[in-house]
């Protein structure tokens, strides 16, 4: 697995200027040589950002997150998962993380390689989210961001992706 301490995020100069700086990074896709820049793929779109772990009691939420992705992607919602071992529940091997996501739960939404999501070593996206809201206290915290990158609402691990509070907030944002 890529060393978490050495994981780097590079800034993309080609991203839209109206996109918040914290989304303008080339983020390494899970178990891939490819990167994704949220300003390029989701500028102006609402985001559902989730910190994930493949060996957590909440791991089954991948199924519900994929369902949200399928249900709302055409309406403009961009779901993105950030694998993290901040709570010591992520697989040590990135291939295993990808297998859990893709084979066990059919995840097709964007997943980012393991990185930090809390504290001073948090990746740039979570540094900004944590400053606007509260940093994750466990895996599978869900952050709903508007098209300008502002955190609209935070949902704890215990809020399932199918929870009416979450789906209502998504639908309100998509209106």
Protein backbone atom coordinates (compact mmCIF):
# COMPACT_ATOMS: atom_id res chain seq x y z
CA UNK A 1 0.00 0.00 0.00
CA UNK A 2 1.16 3.49 -0.73
CA UNK A 3 2.77 5.02 2.32
CA UNK A 4 0.24 7.30 3.95
CA UNK A 5 2.94 9.65 5.17
CA UNK A 6 4.39 9.98 1.67
CA UNK A 7 1.08 10.29 -0.14
CA UNK A 8 1.20 13.49 -2.13
CA UNK A 9 -1.49 15.56 -3.72
CA UNK A 10 -0.51 17.82 -6.59
CA UNK A 11 -2.35 20.96 -7.60
CA UNK A 12 -3.85 21.06 -11.08
CA UNK A 13 -3.54 24.38 -12.90
CA UNK A 14 -6.20 23.51 -15.46
CA UNK A 15 -9.15 23.32 -13.09
CA UNK A 16 -11.95 25.84 -13.22
CA UNK A 17 -11.23 29.08 -11.40
CA UNK A 18 -14.64 29.10 -9.67
CA UNK A 19 -13.86 25.82 -7.97
CA UNK A 20 -12.66 26.02 -4.34
CA UNK A 21 -8.89 25.64 -3.96
CA UNK A 22 -9.22 22.63 -1.66
CA UNK A 23 -10.90 20.63 -4.44
CA UNK A 24 -8.24 21.56 -7.00
CA UNK A 25 -5.87 18.67 -6.36
CA UNK A 26 -5.00 15.59 -8.37
CA UNK A 27 -6.10 12.89 -5.95
CA UNK A 28 -4.78 9.33 -6.44
CA UNK A 29 -7.57 6.91 -7.34
CA UNK A 30 -7.78 3.74 -5.29
CA UNK A 31 -5.48 0.98 -6.56
CA UNK A 32 -4.72 2.82 -9.80
CA UNK A 33 -2.08 4.95 -11.45
CA UNK A 34 -4.82 7.44 -12.36
CA UNK A 35 -5.78 10.59 -10.50
CA UNK A 36 -8.97 12.58 -10.26
CA UNK A 37 -9.30 16.33 -9.84
CA UNK A 38 -12.63 17.25 -8.25
CA UNK A 39 -12.60 20.65 -9.94
CA UNK A 40 -12.44 18.94 -13.30
CA UNK A 41 -15.10 16.28 -12.69
CA UNK A 42 -17.43 17.94 -10.20
CA UNK A 43 -17.04 21.73 -10.33
CA UNK A 44 -20.34 23.30 -9.35
CA UNK A 45 -21.87 19.95 -8.39
CA UNK A 46 -22.94 18.91 -4.90
CA UNK A 47 -20.58 16.38 -3.33
CA UNK A 48 -21.14 13.59 -0.85
CA UNK A 49 -17.72 13.00 0.72
CA UNK A 50 -17.25 9.94 2.94
CA UNK A 51 -14.27 8.64 4.90
CA UNK A 52 -14.21 4.87 4.55
CA UNK A 53 -12.47 1.73 5.82
CA UNK A 54 -12.78 -1.80 4.49
CA UNK A 55 -12.67 -3.62 7.85
CA UNK A 56 -15.18 -1.60 9.86
CA UNK A 57 -18.57 -2.49 11.27
CA UNK A 58 -20.01 0.18 8.97
CA UNK A 59 -18.36 -1.22 5.81
CA UNK A 60 -21.72 -2.51 4.60
CA UNK A 61 -22.62 1.16 4.04
CA UNK A 62 -20.69 0.91 0.75
CA UNK A 63 -23.79 -0.77 -0.65
CA UNK A 64 -26.02 2.16 0.32
CA UNK A 65 -23.48 4.71 -0.89
CA UNK A 66 -23.41 2.98 -4.26
CA UNK A 67 -27.21 3.08 -4.34
CA UNK A 68 -27.10 6.85 -3.64
CA UNK A 69 -24.55 7.25 -6.40
CA UNK A 70 -26.74 5.39 -8.88
CA UNK A 71 -29.91 7.21 -7.79
CA UNK A 72 -28.56 10.76 -7.87
CA UNK A 73 -25.60 10.85 -10.28
CA UNK A 74 -27.72 11.96 -13.24
CA UNK A 75 -29.18 14.74 -11.10
CA UNK A 76 -25.65 16.03 -10.41
CA UNK A 77 -24.52 14.49 -7.11
CA UNK A 78 -20.90 13.34 -7.07
CA UNK A 79 -20.13 10.68 -4.45
CA UNK A 80 -16.50 10.26 -3.43
CA UNK A 81 -14.98 7.94 -0.84
CA UNK A 82 -11.69 8.55 0.91
CA UNK A 83 -10.16 5.31 2.19
CA UNK A 84 -8.37 5.92 5.46
CA UNK A 85 -6.66 4.00 8.22
CA UNK A 86 -7.05 6.80 10.77
CA UNK A 87 -9.14 4.43 12.93
CA UNK A 88 -6.97 1.35 12.29
CA UNK A 89 -9.62 -0.47 10.27
CA UNK A 90 -8.35 -0.17 6.72
CA UNK A 91 -6.69 -3.06 4.91
CA UNK A 92 -2.91 -2.83 4.75
CA UNK A 93 -2.94 -3.62 1.04
CA UNK A 94 -4.57 -1.22 -1.42
CA UNK A 95 -5.56 -4.13 -3.68
CA UNK A 96 -7.56 -5.58 -0.77
CA UNK A 97 -9.27 -2.22 -0.20
CA UNK A 98 -10.26 -2.12 -3.88
CA UNK A 99 -11.47 -5.73 -3.76
CA UNK A 100 -13.72 -5.03 -0.79
CA UNK A 101 -15.17 -1.94 -2.47
CA UNK A 102 -15.61 -3.32 -5.96
CA UNK A 103 -16.15 -7.06 -5.60
CA UNK A 104 -17.95 -7.18 -2.26
CA UNK A 105 -20.11 -4.07 -2.70
CA UNK A 106 -20.03 -3.17 -6.41
CA UNK A 107 -18.69 0.32 -5.80
CA UNK A 108 -18.46 2.38 -9.00
CA UNK A 109 -18.28 5.84 -7.41
CA UNK A 110 -14.85 7.43 -7.11
CA UNK A 111 -12.64 6.06 -4.36
CA UNK A 112 -9.38 7.74 -3.33
CA UNK A 113 -6.28 5.87 -2.17
CA UNK A 114 -5.78 5.66 1.58
CA UNK A 115 -4.87 8.97 3.18
CA UNK A 116 -5.37 10.78 6.44
CA UNK A 117 -8.76 12.42 7.07
CA UNK A 118 -8.20 13.94 10.51
CA UNK A 119 -5.59 15.92 12.33
CA UNK A 120 -2.73 17.94 10.88
CA UNK A 121 -1.88 15.24 8.31
CA UNK A 122 -5.39 15.19 6.78
CA UNK A 123 -5.51 15.38 2.99
CA UNK A 124 -6.39 18.83 1.57
CA UNK A 125 -10.07 17.98 1.03
CA UNK A 126 -10.57 16.84 4.60
CA UNK A 127 -8.51 19.73 6.00
CA UNK A 128 -11.08 22.10 4.50
CA UNK A 129 -14.07 19.96 5.45
CA UNK A 130 -12.82 19.63 9.03
CA UNK A 131 -12.34 23.41 9.27
CA UNK A 132 -15.93 23.97 8.09
CA UNK A 133 -17.53 21.18 10.11
CA UNK A 134 -16.13 18.62 12.50
CA UNK A 135 -13.51 16.06 11.73
CA UNK A 136 -14.62 12.44 11.52
CA UNK A 137 -14.86 10.67 14.85
CA UNK A 138 -15.00 7.29 13.10
CA UNK A 139 -15.25 5.73 9.66
CA UNK A 140 -18.17 6.46 7.31
CA UNK A 141 -18.86 10.05 8.29
CA UNK A 142 -20.74 11.70 5.46
CA UNK A 143 -20.31 15.32 4.45
CA UNK A 144 -22.73 16.94 2.02
CA UNK A 145 -21.14 19.88 0.20
CA UNK A 146 -22.92 22.35 -2.07
CA UNK A 147 -21.64 23.27 -5.53
CA UNK A 148 -19.38 25.95 -4.04
CA UNK A 149 -17.63 23.48 -1.72
CA UNK A 150 -19.39 24.55 1.47
CA UNK A 151 -20.35 21.85 3.96
CA UNK A 152 -24.14 21.92 4.11
CA UNK A 153 -24.53 19.07 6.56
CA UNK A 154 -22.51 16.41 8.38
CA UNK A 155 -23.88 12.93 9.06
CA UNK A 156 -22.24 10.57 11.54
CA UNK A 157 -21.30 6.96 10.89
CA UNK A 158 -24.57 5.83 12.43
CA UNK A 159 -26.62 7.60 9.75
CA UNK A 160 -27.10 5.04 7.00
CA UNK A 161 -26.94 6.17 3.36
CA UNK A 162 -30.64 5.25 3.05
CA UNK A 163 -31.65 7.39 6.04
CA UNK A 164 -34.38 9.89 5.14
CA UNK A 165 -32.40 12.72 6.81
CA UNK A 166 -29.56 12.17 4.34
CA UNK A 167 -31.67 11.57 1.23
CA UNK A 168 -33.86 14.60 2.03
CA UNK A 169 -30.76 16.80 2.41
CA UNK A 170 -29.41 15.51 -0.94
CA UNK A 171 -32.73 16.14 -2.67
CA UNK A 172 -32.99 19.66 -1.22
CA UNK A 173 -29.49 20.45 -2.45
CA UNK A 174 -30.26 19.12 -5.93
CA UNK A 175 -33.39 21.33 -6.29
